[in-house]
């Protein structure tokens, strides 16, 4: 199977909340008397970090592994160790920028934690089908 790339789904509310928070902080900085150019010096790196953290999330199925990129760090998981997948809506901290996610449970010992991996590929159905092509024993829970 060729390498499959999946971008993360980005919910509109995430962008709205981030823009609102940053605008509020910059307004307060200006209101308390900090010069506009200092606020700009603070704002540009912050905006860059926020943009990097949102755009730095992606997923890859390569050979028989699932790669999850969060900012600049890749984590690789063997697809043969996936025991079940489920479509979920969740707000848990995860390498995802949407409530609409795929929850992935692995066989014991695959990861350092028993908490399932939650990611938000734009096309959840295609992503799950591509996992099943490699490991047809994955249980898909509706």
N, C-alpha and C. Protein backbone atom coordinates (compact mmCIF):
# COMPACT_ATOMS: atom_id res chain seq x y z
N UNK A 1 0.85 -1.19 0.00
CA UNK A 1 0.00 0.00 0.00
C UNK A 1 0.89 1.24 0.00
N UNK A 2 0.56 2.18 -0.83
CA UNK A 2 1.31 3.44 -0.90
C UNK A 2 1.08 4.25 0.38
N UNK A 3 1.99 5.15 0.63
CA UNK A 3 1.87 6.01 1.81
C UNK A 3 0.64 6.90 1.66
N UNK A 4 -0.19 6.91 2.68
CA UNK A 4 -1.41 7.72 2.70
C UNK A 4 -1.24 8.86 3.71
N UNK A 5 -1.49 10.07 3.27
CA UNK A 5 -1.40 11.24 4.14
C UNK A 5 -2.80 11.75 4.46
N UNK A 6 -3.00 12.14 5.70
CA UNK A 6 -4.29 12.67 6.14
C UNK A 6 -4.05 13.95 6.91
N UNK A 7 -4.75 14.99 6.54
CA UNK A 7 -4.64 16.23 7.30
C UNK A 7 -5.65 16.18 8.44
N UNK A 8 -5.44 17.04 9.41
CA UNK A 8 -6.34 17.09 10.54
C UNK A 8 -7.53 17.98 10.23
N UNK A 9 -8.67 17.59 10.72
CA UNK A 9 -9.87 18.42 10.58
C UNK A 9 -9.76 19.55 11.60
N UNK A 10 -10.05 20.76 11.17
CA UNK A 10 -9.97 21.92 12.06
C UNK A 10 -11.37 22.49 12.22
N UNK A 11 -11.88 22.46 13.44
CA UNK A 11 -13.20 23.04 13.72
C UNK A 11 -13.10 24.56 13.74
N UNK A 12 -14.13 25.23 13.22
CA UNK A 12 -14.15 26.69 13.15
C UNK A 12 -14.04 27.31 14.53
N UNK A 13 -14.59 26.67 15.55
CA UNK A 13 -14.61 27.25 16.89
C UNK A 13 -13.21 27.36 17.48
N UNK A 14 -12.31 26.47 17.08
CA UNK A 14 -10.94 26.53 17.60
C UNK A 14 -10.27 27.82 17.12
N UNK A 15 -10.42 28.11 15.84
CA UNK A 15 -9.85 29.34 15.29
C UNK A 15 -10.48 30.55 15.98
N UNK A 16 -11.80 30.52 16.14
CA UNK A 16 -12.51 31.63 16.77
C UNK A 16 -12.02 31.86 18.20
N UNK A 17 -11.93 30.80 18.98
CA UNK A 17 -11.50 30.93 20.38
C UNK A 17 -10.07 31.46 20.46
N UNK A 18 -9.18 30.92 19.64
CA UNK A 18 -7.79 31.38 19.68
C UNK A 18 -7.67 32.86 19.28
N UNK A 19 -8.37 33.25 18.23
CA UNK A 19 -8.33 34.65 17.79
C UNK A 19 -8.93 35.56 18.88
N UNK A 20 -10.02 35.14 19.47
CA UNK A 20 -10.66 35.94 20.52
C UNK A 20 -9.73 36.11 21.72
N UNK A 21 -9.13 35.03 22.18
CA UNK A 21 -8.23 35.10 23.34
C UNK A 21 -7.04 35.99 23.04
N UNK A 22 -6.44 35.81 21.88
CA UNK A 22 -5.27 36.62 21.55
C UNK A 22 -5.64 38.09 21.40
N UNK A 23 -6.76 38.38 20.76
CA UNK A 23 -7.19 39.77 20.60
C UNK A 23 -7.46 40.40 21.97
N UNK A 24 -8.08 39.65 22.87
CA UNK A 24 -8.36 40.14 24.21
C UNK A 24 -7.06 40.45 24.97
N UNK A 25 -6.10 39.54 24.89
CA UNK A 25 -4.82 39.75 25.57
C UNK A 25 -4.11 40.98 25.01
N UNK A 26 -4.09 41.11 23.69
CA UNK A 26 -3.42 42.26 23.09
C UNK A 26 -4.14 43.56 23.42
N UNK A 27 -5.45 43.52 23.48
CA UNK A 27 -6.22 44.70 23.87
C UNK A 27 -5.85 45.12 25.30
N UNK A 28 -5.78 44.16 26.21
CA UNK A 28 -5.43 44.45 27.60
C UNK A 28 -4.02 45.03 27.68
N UNK A 29 -3.08 44.45 26.94
CA UNK A 29 -1.71 44.98 26.93
C UNK A 29 -1.68 46.43 26.46
N UNK A 30 -2.44 46.72 25.41
CA UNK A 30 -2.50 48.12 24.91
C UNK A 30 -3.21 49.01 25.92
N UNK A 31 -4.26 48.50 26.55
CA UNK A 31 -5.05 49.27 27.50
C UNK A 31 -4.23 49.66 28.74
N UNK A 32 -3.34 48.77 29.19
CA UNK A 32 -2.55 49.10 30.38
C UNK A 32 -1.35 49.99 30.05
N UNK A 33 -1.18 50.31 28.77
CA UNK A 33 -0.19 51.30 28.41
C UNK A 33 1.07 50.79 27.73
N UNK A 34 1.09 49.54 27.37
CA UNK A 34 2.26 49.02 26.67
C UNK A 34 2.21 49.53 25.23
N UNK A 35 3.34 49.98 24.74
CA UNK A 35 3.41 50.54 23.39
C UNK A 35 3.01 49.50 22.34
N UNK A 36 2.40 49.97 21.26
CA UNK A 36 1.88 49.07 20.23
C UNK A 36 2.98 48.22 19.60
N UNK A 37 4.18 48.77 19.43
CA UNK A 37 5.25 48.00 18.78
C UNK A 37 5.76 46.88 19.69
N UNK A 38 5.69 47.07 21.00
CA UNK A 38 6.07 46.00 21.93
C UNK A 38 5.01 44.89 21.89
N UNK A 39 3.74 45.30 21.85
CA UNK A 39 2.67 44.32 21.72
C UNK A 39 2.84 43.53 20.42
N UNK A 40 3.22 44.21 19.35
CA UNK A 40 3.46 43.54 18.07
C UNK A 40 4.62 42.56 18.17
N UNK A 41 5.67 42.94 18.87
CA UNK A 41 6.82 42.05 19.06
C UNK A 41 6.41 40.80 19.84
N UNK A 42 5.51 40.96 20.79
CA UNK A 42 4.99 39.81 21.55
C UNK A 42 4.04 38.99 20.69
N UNK A 43 3.20 39.67 19.90
CA UNK A 43 2.14 39.01 19.14
C UNK A 43 2.66 38.11 18.03
N UNK A 44 3.64 38.56 17.28
CA UNK A 44 4.10 37.80 16.12
C UNK A 44 4.62 36.40 16.48
N UNK A 45 5.49 36.25 17.47
CA UNK A 45 5.91 34.88 17.82
C UNK A 45 4.76 34.03 18.35
N UNK A 46 3.85 34.66 19.13
CA UNK A 46 2.70 33.90 19.63
C UNK A 46 1.81 33.41 18.50
N UNK A 47 1.54 34.28 17.56
CA UNK A 47 0.72 33.89 16.40
C UNK A 47 1.41 32.78 15.61
N UNK A 48 2.73 32.87 15.48
CA UNK A 48 3.49 31.82 14.79
C UNK A 48 3.40 30.49 15.51
N UNK A 49 3.51 30.50 16.83
CA UNK A 49 3.42 29.25 17.60
C UNK A 49 2.03 28.63 17.50
N UNK A 50 1.01 29.47 17.58
CA UNK A 50 -0.36 28.96 17.45
C UNK A 50 -0.58 28.37 16.07
N UNK A 51 -0.14 29.09 15.04
CA UNK A 51 -0.28 28.59 13.67
C UNK A 51 0.48 27.29 13.47
N UNK A 52 1.68 27.19 14.03
CA UNK A 52 2.47 25.97 13.92
C UNK A 52 1.80 24.81 14.63
N UNK A 53 1.24 25.07 15.81
CA UNK A 53 0.61 23.99 16.55
C UNK A 53 -0.65 23.48 15.85
N UNK A 54 -1.36 24.35 15.16
CA UNK A 54 -2.56 23.91 14.44
C UNK A 54 -2.17 23.23 13.13
N UNK A 55 -1.27 23.83 12.38
CA UNK A 55 -0.91 23.26 11.08
C UNK A 55 0.09 22.11 11.19
N UNK A 56 0.67 21.92 12.37
CA UNK A 56 1.69 20.89 12.54
C UNK A 56 1.14 19.53 12.88
N UNK A 57 -0.16 19.34 12.79
CA UNK A 57 -0.77 18.05 13.11
C UNK A 57 -1.12 17.34 11.81
N UNK A 58 -0.64 16.12 11.65
CA UNK A 58 -1.00 15.32 10.48
C UNK A 58 -0.84 13.85 10.80
N UNK A 59 -1.36 13.03 9.92
CA UNK A 59 -1.36 11.59 10.12
C UNK A 59 -0.92 10.91 8.83
N UNK A 60 -0.22 9.78 8.98
CA UNK A 60 0.29 9.04 7.83
C UNK A 60 0.12 7.56 8.09
N UNK A 61 -0.31 6.85 7.06
CA UNK A 61 -0.24 5.40 7.08
C UNK A 61 0.85 5.03 6.09
N UNK A 62 1.93 4.45 6.61
CA UNK A 62 3.08 4.10 5.78
C UNK A 62 3.43 2.64 6.06
N UNK A 63 3.39 1.84 5.01
CA UNK A 63 3.61 0.40 5.14
C UNK A 63 2.62 -0.16 6.15
N UNK A 64 3.09 -0.61 7.29
CA UNK A 64 2.19 -1.18 8.29
C UNK A 64 2.20 -0.38 9.59
N UNK A 65 2.49 0.92 9.48
CA UNK A 65 2.54 1.77 10.66
C UNK A 65 1.67 3.02 10.48
N UNK A 66 1.17 3.49 11.60
CA UNK A 66 0.42 4.74 11.66
C UNK A 66 1.32 5.79 12.28
N UNK A 67 1.55 6.87 11.57
CA UNK A 67 2.36 7.98 12.08
C UNK A 67 1.46 9.13 12.45
N UNK A 68 1.69 9.67 13.64
CA UNK A 68 0.94 10.83 14.12
C UNK A 68 1.95 11.93 14.41
N UNK A 69 1.82 13.03 13.68
CA UNK A 69 2.73 14.16 13.85
C UNK A 69 2.02 15.25 14.63
N UNK A 70 2.60 15.61 15.74
CA UNK A 70 2.09 16.71 16.55
C UNK A 70 3.20 17.74 16.63
N UNK A 71 3.02 18.84 15.93
CA UNK A 71 4.04 19.88 15.75
C UNK A 71 5.23 19.30 15.00
N UNK A 72 6.33 19.02 15.65
CA UNK A 72 7.50 18.51 14.93
C UNK A 72 7.85 17.08 15.33
N UNK A 73 7.12 16.50 16.26
CA UNK A 73 7.42 15.17 16.77
C UNK A 73 6.49 14.12 16.14
N UNK A 74 7.10 13.08 15.60
CA UNK A 74 6.35 11.96 15.05
C UNK A 74 6.29 10.82 16.06
N UNK A 75 5.12 10.22 16.19
CA UNK A 75 4.95 8.99 16.97
C UNK A 75 4.47 7.93 15.99
N UNK A 76 5.05 6.74 16.06
CA UNK A 76 4.70 5.66 15.14
C UNK A 76 4.11 4.49 15.91
N UNK A 77 3.00 3.96 15.36
CA UNK A 77 2.29 2.86 16.00
C UNK A 77 2.10 1.74 14.99
N UNK A 78 2.37 0.48 15.38
CA UNK A 78 2.13 -0.63 14.46
C UNK A 78 0.62 -0.86 14.28
N UNK A 79 0.18 -0.87 13.04
CA UNK A 79 -1.25 -1.04 12.76
C UNK A 79 -1.72 -2.43 13.17
N UNK A 80 -0.82 -3.40 13.14
CA UNK A 80 -1.20 -4.77 13.56
C UNK A 80 -1.58 -4.82 15.04
N UNK A 81 -1.17 -3.81 15.82
CA UNK A 81 -1.50 -3.78 17.25
C UNK A 81 -2.76 -2.99 17.57
N UNK A 82 -3.43 -2.49 16.54
CA UNK A 82 -4.70 -1.80 16.77
C UNK A 82 -5.78 -2.86 16.95
N UNK A 83 -6.51 -2.77 18.08
CA UNK A 83 -7.56 -3.77 18.30
C UNK A 83 -8.96 -3.23 17.99
N UNK A 84 -9.16 -1.91 18.13
CA UNK A 84 -10.47 -1.36 17.77
C UNK A 84 -10.38 0.12 17.47
N UNK A 85 -11.30 0.57 16.62
CA UNK A 85 -11.46 1.98 16.30
C UNK A 85 -12.93 2.35 16.45
N UNK A 86 -13.14 3.60 16.77
CA UNK A 86 -14.50 4.09 16.98
C UNK A 86 -14.56 5.56 16.63
N UNK A 87 -15.63 5.97 15.98
CA UNK A 87 -15.86 7.40 15.73
C UNK A 87 -16.42 7.99 17.02
N UNK A 88 -15.79 9.07 17.48
CA UNK A 88 -16.22 9.70 18.73
C UNK A 88 -16.25 11.22 18.59
N UNK A 89 -16.91 11.84 19.53
CA UNK A 89 -16.84 13.29 19.70
C UNK A 89 -16.28 13.48 21.10
N UNK A 90 -15.14 14.18 21.17
CA UNK A 90 -14.43 14.26 22.43
C UNK A 90 -13.69 15.59 22.55
N UNK A 91 -13.46 16.00 23.81
CA UNK A 91 -12.69 17.21 24.08
C UNK A 91 -11.40 16.89 24.82
N UNK A 92 -11.05 15.63 24.92
CA UNK A 92 -9.82 15.25 25.60
C UNK A 92 -8.61 15.84 24.88
N UNK A 93 -7.56 16.07 25.64
CA UNK A 93 -6.31 16.56 25.04
C UNK A 93 -5.77 15.48 24.12
N UNK A 94 -5.51 15.87 22.87
CA UNK A 94 -5.06 14.90 21.88
C UNK A 94 -4.46 15.65 20.69
N UNK A 95 -3.72 14.93 19.84
CA UNK A 95 -3.22 15.57 18.62
C UNK A 95 -4.35 15.71 17.60
N UNK A 96 -5.32 16.55 17.93
CA UNK A 96 -6.51 16.72 17.11
C UNK A 96 -7.02 18.15 17.28
N UNK A 97 -7.60 18.69 16.22
CA UNK A 97 -8.13 20.05 16.28
C UNK A 97 -9.62 20.08 15.95
N UNK A 98 -10.29 19.01 16.36
CA UNK A 98 -11.72 18.90 16.13
C UNK A 98 -12.32 18.02 17.22
N UNK A 99 -13.59 18.23 17.51
CA UNK A 99 -14.31 17.32 18.41
C UNK A 99 -14.60 15.99 17.71
N UNK A 100 -14.69 16.01 16.39
CA UNK A 100 -15.02 14.84 15.59
C UNK A 100 -13.75 14.04 15.38
N UNK A 101 -13.65 12.89 16.03
CA UNK A 101 -12.39 12.15 16.07
C UNK A 101 -12.56 10.67 15.81
N UNK A 102 -11.41 10.03 15.67
CA UNK A 102 -11.33 8.57 15.62
C UNK A 102 -10.56 8.15 16.87
N UNK A 103 -11.18 7.31 17.66
CA UNK A 103 -10.52 6.79 18.85
C UNK A 103 -9.90 5.44 18.50
N UNK A 104 -8.63 5.27 18.81
CA UNK A 104 -7.91 4.05 18.46
C UNK A 104 -7.42 3.39 19.73
N UNK A 105 -7.84 2.13 19.92
CA UNK A 105 -7.37 1.35 21.07
C UNK A 105 -6.38 0.32 20.57
N UNK A 106 -5.29 0.20 21.30
CA UNK A 106 -4.22 -0.72 20.94
C UNK A 106 -4.20 -1.91 21.88
N UNK A 107 -3.54 -2.98 21.42
CA UNK A 107 -3.30 -4.12 22.28
C UNK A 107 -2.42 -3.68 23.43
N UNK A 108 -2.59 -4.33 24.57
CA UNK A 108 -1.82 -3.99 25.77
C UNK A 108 -0.32 -4.05 25.47
N UNK A 109 0.40 -3.04 25.95
CA UNK A 109 1.84 -3.00 25.79
C UNK A 109 2.32 -2.24 24.56
N UNK A 110 1.41 -1.84 23.70
CA UNK A 110 1.80 -1.09 22.49
C UNK A 110 2.23 0.33 22.84
N UNK A 111 1.49 0.96 23.73
CA UNK A 111 1.79 2.33 24.13
C UNK A 111 2.13 2.36 25.62
N UNK A 112 2.64 3.48 26.07
CA UNK A 112 3.03 3.62 27.47
C UNK A 112 1.83 3.82 28.38
N UNK A 113 0.69 4.11 27.79
CA UNK A 113 -0.51 4.39 28.57
C UNK A 113 -1.67 3.54 28.06
N UNK A 114 -2.65 3.35 28.91
CA UNK A 114 -3.84 2.59 28.51
C UNK A 114 -4.90 3.49 27.87
N UNK A 115 -4.64 4.79 27.85
CA UNK A 115 -5.59 5.75 27.27
C UNK A 115 -5.57 5.60 25.75
N UNK A 116 -6.74 5.49 25.11
CA UNK A 116 -6.77 5.38 23.65
C UNK A 116 -6.24 6.64 22.97
N UNK A 117 -5.73 6.47 21.77
CA UNK A 117 -5.27 7.58 20.94
C UNK A 117 -6.49 8.17 20.24
N UNK A 118 -6.61 9.49 20.26
CA UNK A 118 -7.69 10.16 19.55
C UNK A 118 -7.09 11.13 18.55
N UNK A 119 -7.50 10.99 17.29
CA UNK A 119 -7.02 11.86 16.22
C UNK A 119 -8.22 12.33 15.41
N UNK A 120 -8.00 13.36 14.58
CA UNK A 120 -9.13 13.93 13.83
C UNK A 120 -8.82 14.05 12.33
N UNK A 121 -8.70 12.92 11.63
CA UNK A 121 -8.50 13.04 10.18
C UNK A 121 -9.74 13.63 9.51
N UNK A 122 -9.53 14.36 8.42
CA UNK A 122 -10.66 15.02 7.76
C UNK A 122 -11.69 14.02 7.25
N UNK A 123 -11.24 12.89 6.72
CA UNK A 123 -12.16 11.86 6.22
C UNK A 123 -12.02 10.62 7.10
N UNK A 124 -12.83 10.58 8.16
CA UNK A 124 -12.73 9.47 9.12
C UNK A 124 -13.02 8.12 8.48
N UNK A 125 -14.03 8.08 7.61
CA UNK A 125 -14.41 6.80 6.99
C UNK A 125 -13.28 6.23 6.14
N UNK A 126 -12.67 7.06 5.31
CA UNK A 126 -11.57 6.60 4.46
C UNK A 126 -10.37 6.18 5.31
N UNK A 127 -10.10 6.93 6.36
CA UNK A 127 -9.00 6.61 7.25
C UNK A 127 -9.20 5.22 7.87
N UNK A 128 -10.39 4.96 8.37
CA UNK A 128 -10.69 3.65 8.97
C UNK A 128 -10.59 2.54 7.93
N UNK A 129 -11.10 2.79 6.72
CA UNK A 129 -11.00 1.79 5.65
C UNK A 129 -9.55 1.47 5.30
N UNK A 130 -8.70 2.50 5.29
CA UNK A 130 -7.29 2.28 5.00
C UNK A 130 -6.60 1.48 6.10
N UNK A 131 -7.00 1.69 7.35
CA UNK A 131 -6.46 0.87 8.44
C UNK A 131 -6.90 -0.59 8.28
N UNK A 132 -8.16 -0.78 7.90
CA UNK A 132 -8.69 -2.14 7.74
C UNK A 132 -8.03 -2.89 6.59
N UNK A 133 -7.57 -2.18 5.57
CA UNK A 133 -6.86 -2.83 4.47
C UNK A 133 -5.58 -3.49 4.96
N UNK A 134 -4.95 -2.89 5.96
CA UNK A 134 -3.71 -3.43 6.51
C UNK A 134 -3.98 -4.45 7.60
N UNK A 135 -4.95 -4.16 8.46
CA UNK A 135 -5.30 -5.07 9.55
C UNK A 135 -6.81 -5.29 9.56
N UNK A 136 -7.29 -6.32 8.85
CA UNK A 136 -8.73 -6.56 8.79
C UNK A 136 -9.32 -7.05 10.12
N UNK A 137 -8.47 -7.33 11.11
CA UNK A 137 -8.95 -7.80 12.41
C UNK A 137 -9.34 -6.68 13.35
N UNK A 138 -9.18 -5.43 12.90
CA UNK A 138 -9.57 -4.30 13.71
C UNK A 138 -11.09 -4.30 13.87
N UNK A 139 -11.54 -4.19 15.12
CA UNK A 139 -12.97 -4.13 15.39
C UNK A 139 -13.42 -2.69 15.26
N UNK A 140 -14.38 -2.45 14.37
CA UNK A 140 -14.92 -1.10 14.16
C UNK A 140 -16.21 -0.99 14.97
N UNK A 141 -16.21 -0.10 15.93
CA UNK A 141 -17.37 0.08 16.79
C UNK A 141 -18.12 1.33 16.33
N UNK A 142 -19.41 1.17 16.02
CA UNK A 142 -20.18 2.33 15.52
C UNK A 142 -20.38 3.40 16.59
